[in-house]
Protein backbone atom coordinates (compact mmCIF):
# COMPACT_ATOMS: atom_id res chain seq x y z
CA MET A 1 -20.68 -16.80 15.95
CA MET A 2 -23.16 -14.80 13.88
CA MET A 3 -23.04 -17.31 10.99
CA VAL A 4 -23.61 -20.21 13.40
CA GLN A 5 -26.74 -18.53 14.76
CA ILE A 6 -28.02 -17.85 11.25
CA PHE A 7 -27.23 -21.40 10.13
CA TRP A 8 -29.00 -23.14 13.04
CA GLY A 9 -31.84 -20.62 12.93
CA SER A 10 -32.30 -21.39 9.25
CA VAL A 11 -32.31 -25.13 9.96
CA VAL A 12 -35.03 -24.79 12.60
CA LEU A 13 -36.95 -22.34 10.39
CA GLY A 14 -36.81 -24.87 7.54
CA LEU A 15 -37.99 -27.73 9.76
CA SER A 16 -40.77 -25.55 11.12
CA THR A 17 -41.94 -24.64 7.65
CA LEU A 18 -41.88 -28.29 6.57
CA ILE A 19 -44.05 -29.16 9.58
CA HIS A 20 -46.42 -26.34 8.67
CA ILE A 21 -46.68 -27.39 5.03
CA ALA A 22 -47.18 -31.06 5.96
CA LEU A 23 -50.04 -30.29 8.35
CA VAL A 24 -51.71 -27.83 5.99
CA LEU A 25 -51.44 -30.26 3.07
CA SER A 26 -52.87 -33.02 5.26
CA ALA A 27 -55.84 -30.79 6.01
CA VAL A 28 -56.30 -30.04 2.30
CA MET A 29 -56.20 -33.76 1.49
CA LEU A 30 -58.77 -34.44 4.21
CA LEU A 31 -61.03 -31.67 2.88
CA VAL A 32 -60.74 -32.99 -0.67
CA SER A 33 -61.47 -36.57 0.40
CA MET A 34 -64.47 -35.45 2.48
CA ALA A 35 -65.89 -33.03 -0.12
CA ARG A 36 -68.27 -35.57 -1.59
CA HIS A 37 -69.53 -36.55 1.87
CA VAL A 38 -70.23 -33.03 3.08
CA ALA A 39 -71.66 -31.73 -0.22
CA ARG A 40 -75.18 -32.80 0.75
CA PHE A 41 -75.20 -30.62 3.88
CA ALA A 42 -76.34 -27.01 4.10
CA LEU A 43 -73.81 -24.29 3.32
CA ALA A 44 -73.44 -23.35 7.00
CA ILE A 45 -72.54 -26.90 7.98
CA ARG A 46 -70.08 -27.25 5.09
CA LEU A 47 -68.44 -23.96 6.03
CA GLY A 48 -68.30 -24.98 9.67
CA PHE A 49 -66.66 -28.29 8.77
CA HIS A 50 -64.10 -26.62 6.51
CA LEU A 51 -63.33 -23.93 9.09
CA ALA A 52 -62.93 -26.52 11.83
CA VAL A 53 -60.51 -28.63 9.79
CA MET A 54 -58.53 -25.55 8.73
CA LEU A 55 -58.31 -24.10 12.22
CA VAL A 56 -57.28 -27.40 13.78
CA ALA A 57 -54.53 -27.80 11.16
CA VAL A 58 -53.31 -24.23 11.61
CA VAL A 59 -53.32 -24.40 15.41
CA LEU A 60 -51.52 -27.76 15.39
CA ALA A 61 -48.95 -26.46 12.91
CA HIS A 62 -48.15 -23.35 14.93
CA THR A 63 -48.14 -25.26 18.21
CA ALA A 64 -45.70 -27.84 16.83
CA GLN A 65 -43.42 -25.05 15.64
CA VAL A 66 -43.47 -23.28 18.99
CA TRP A 67 -42.48 -26.56 20.69
CA LEU A 68 -39.73 -27.18 18.14
CA TRP A 69 -38.29 -23.74 18.81
CA ALA A 70 -38.65 -24.24 22.57
CA PHE A 71 -36.72 -27.52 22.45
CA SER A 72 -34.08 -25.87 20.27
CA PHE A 73 -33.68 -23.05 22.80
CA VAL A 74 -33.12 -25.58 25.60
CA TRP A 75 -30.84 -27.78 23.43
CA SER A 76 -28.69 -24.80 22.46
CA GLY A 77 -28.42 -23.60 26.05
CA ALA A 78 -30.16 -20.31 25.25
CA VAL A 79 -32.84 -20.98 27.89
CA GLY A 80 -32.45 -23.08 31.01
CA ASN A 81 -35.77 -24.96 31.23
CA ILE A 82 -38.59 -26.07 28.98
CA GLY A 83 -41.27 -23.94 30.67
CA GLU A 84 -39.36 -20.74 30.12
CA ALA A 85 -38.38 -21.90 26.64
CA VAL A 86 -42.01 -22.50 25.61
CA TYR A 87 -42.99 -19.09 26.97
CA PHE A 88 -40.09 -17.37 25.19
CA SER A 89 -40.82 -19.30 22.01
CA ILE A 90 -44.50 -18.25 21.94
CA VAL A 91 -43.71 -14.63 22.68
CA THR A 92 -40.98 -14.56 20.03
CA TYR A 93 -42.77 -16.65 17.36
CA THR A 94 -45.82 -14.39 17.52
CA THR A 95 -43.53 -11.32 17.50
CA LEU A 96 -45.24 -10.13 20.67
CA GLY A 97 -41.88 -9.75 22.38
CA TYR A 98 -42.71 -8.79 25.95
CA GLY A 99 -39.00 -8.48 26.76
CA ASP A 100 -39.28 -10.03 30.22
CA VAL A 101 -37.17 -12.99 29.06
CA THR A 102 -34.17 -12.09 26.94
CA LEU A 103 -31.25 -14.05 25.56
CA GLY A 104 -27.58 -13.19 25.60
CA ASP A 105 -25.78 -11.74 22.60
CA GLU A 106 -24.74 -15.21 21.46
CA PHE A 107 -28.40 -16.14 20.82
CA ARG A 108 -30.05 -12.92 19.62
CA LEU A 109 -29.95 -13.71 15.90
CA TYR A 110 -31.03 -17.28 16.58
CA ALA A 111 -34.09 -16.02 18.49
CA ALA A 112 -34.85 -13.53 15.72
CA MET A 113 -35.12 -16.47 13.34
CA ALA A 114 -38.02 -17.76 15.47
CA ALA A 115 -39.83 -14.48 14.84
CA VAL A 116 -39.13 -14.76 11.10
CA THR A 117 -40.55 -18.30 11.22
CA GLY A 118 -43.74 -17.04 12.82
CA LEU A 119 -44.15 -14.24 10.28
CA LEU A 120 -43.66 -16.57 7.33
CA ASN A 121 -45.91 -19.33 8.61
CA PHE A 122 -48.71 -17.03 9.75
CA GLY A 123 -48.67 -15.79 6.15
CA LEU A 124 -48.95 -19.37 4.92
CA SER A 125 -51.84 -19.97 7.31
CA THR A 126 -53.67 -16.91 6.05
CA ALA A 127 -53.20 -17.94 2.42
CA PHE A 128 -54.43 -21.45 3.27
CA VAL A 129 -57.60 -20.24 4.97
CA VAL A 130 -58.38 -17.72 2.22
CA GLY A 131 -57.71 -20.31 -0.50
CA VAL A 132 -59.96 -22.93 1.04
CA LEU A 133 -62.78 -20.49 1.75
CA THR A 134 -62.57 -19.16 -1.81
CA LYS A 135 -63.17 -22.70 -3.08
CA VAL A 136 -65.96 -23.46 -0.59
CA LEU A 137 -68.01 -20.28 -0.73
CA PRO A 138 -70.50 -20.04 -3.57
CA ALA A 139 -69.54 -17.55 -6.30
CA ARG A 140 -72.56 -15.39 -5.49
CA LEU A 141 -71.08 -14.71 -2.01
CA THR A 142 -67.52 -13.97 -3.10
CA GLY A 143 -67.96 -11.63 -5.95
């Protein structure tokens, strides 16, 4: 049973990460395509535009992953309804872990994979934001 939980958890983790990468890359492509158009604006407006695009992409990516995990918890029978599954998914994905909703032994490792997904993809989000801001900020402000 342990290997089944790890297998399916890895599948959902992989799908989640693909979603994250696709949305972040889409945001990068949008920023690159819009660079020429926003170059004429003041630094504050350019930064605001870049931050807005980045934050929308990151929020959409994490939201999509939380929903994917929630549907997987319902599909697997780990959680009985979508409302509770979304709540459990958010609390687990963010590693907040209130503990008011818990899963049986047969789903513990599977749920832990949701937390691993959150850790990995929050790291990707941080790297994305830092990378974009490093390219946008003038050299005199960054070092």
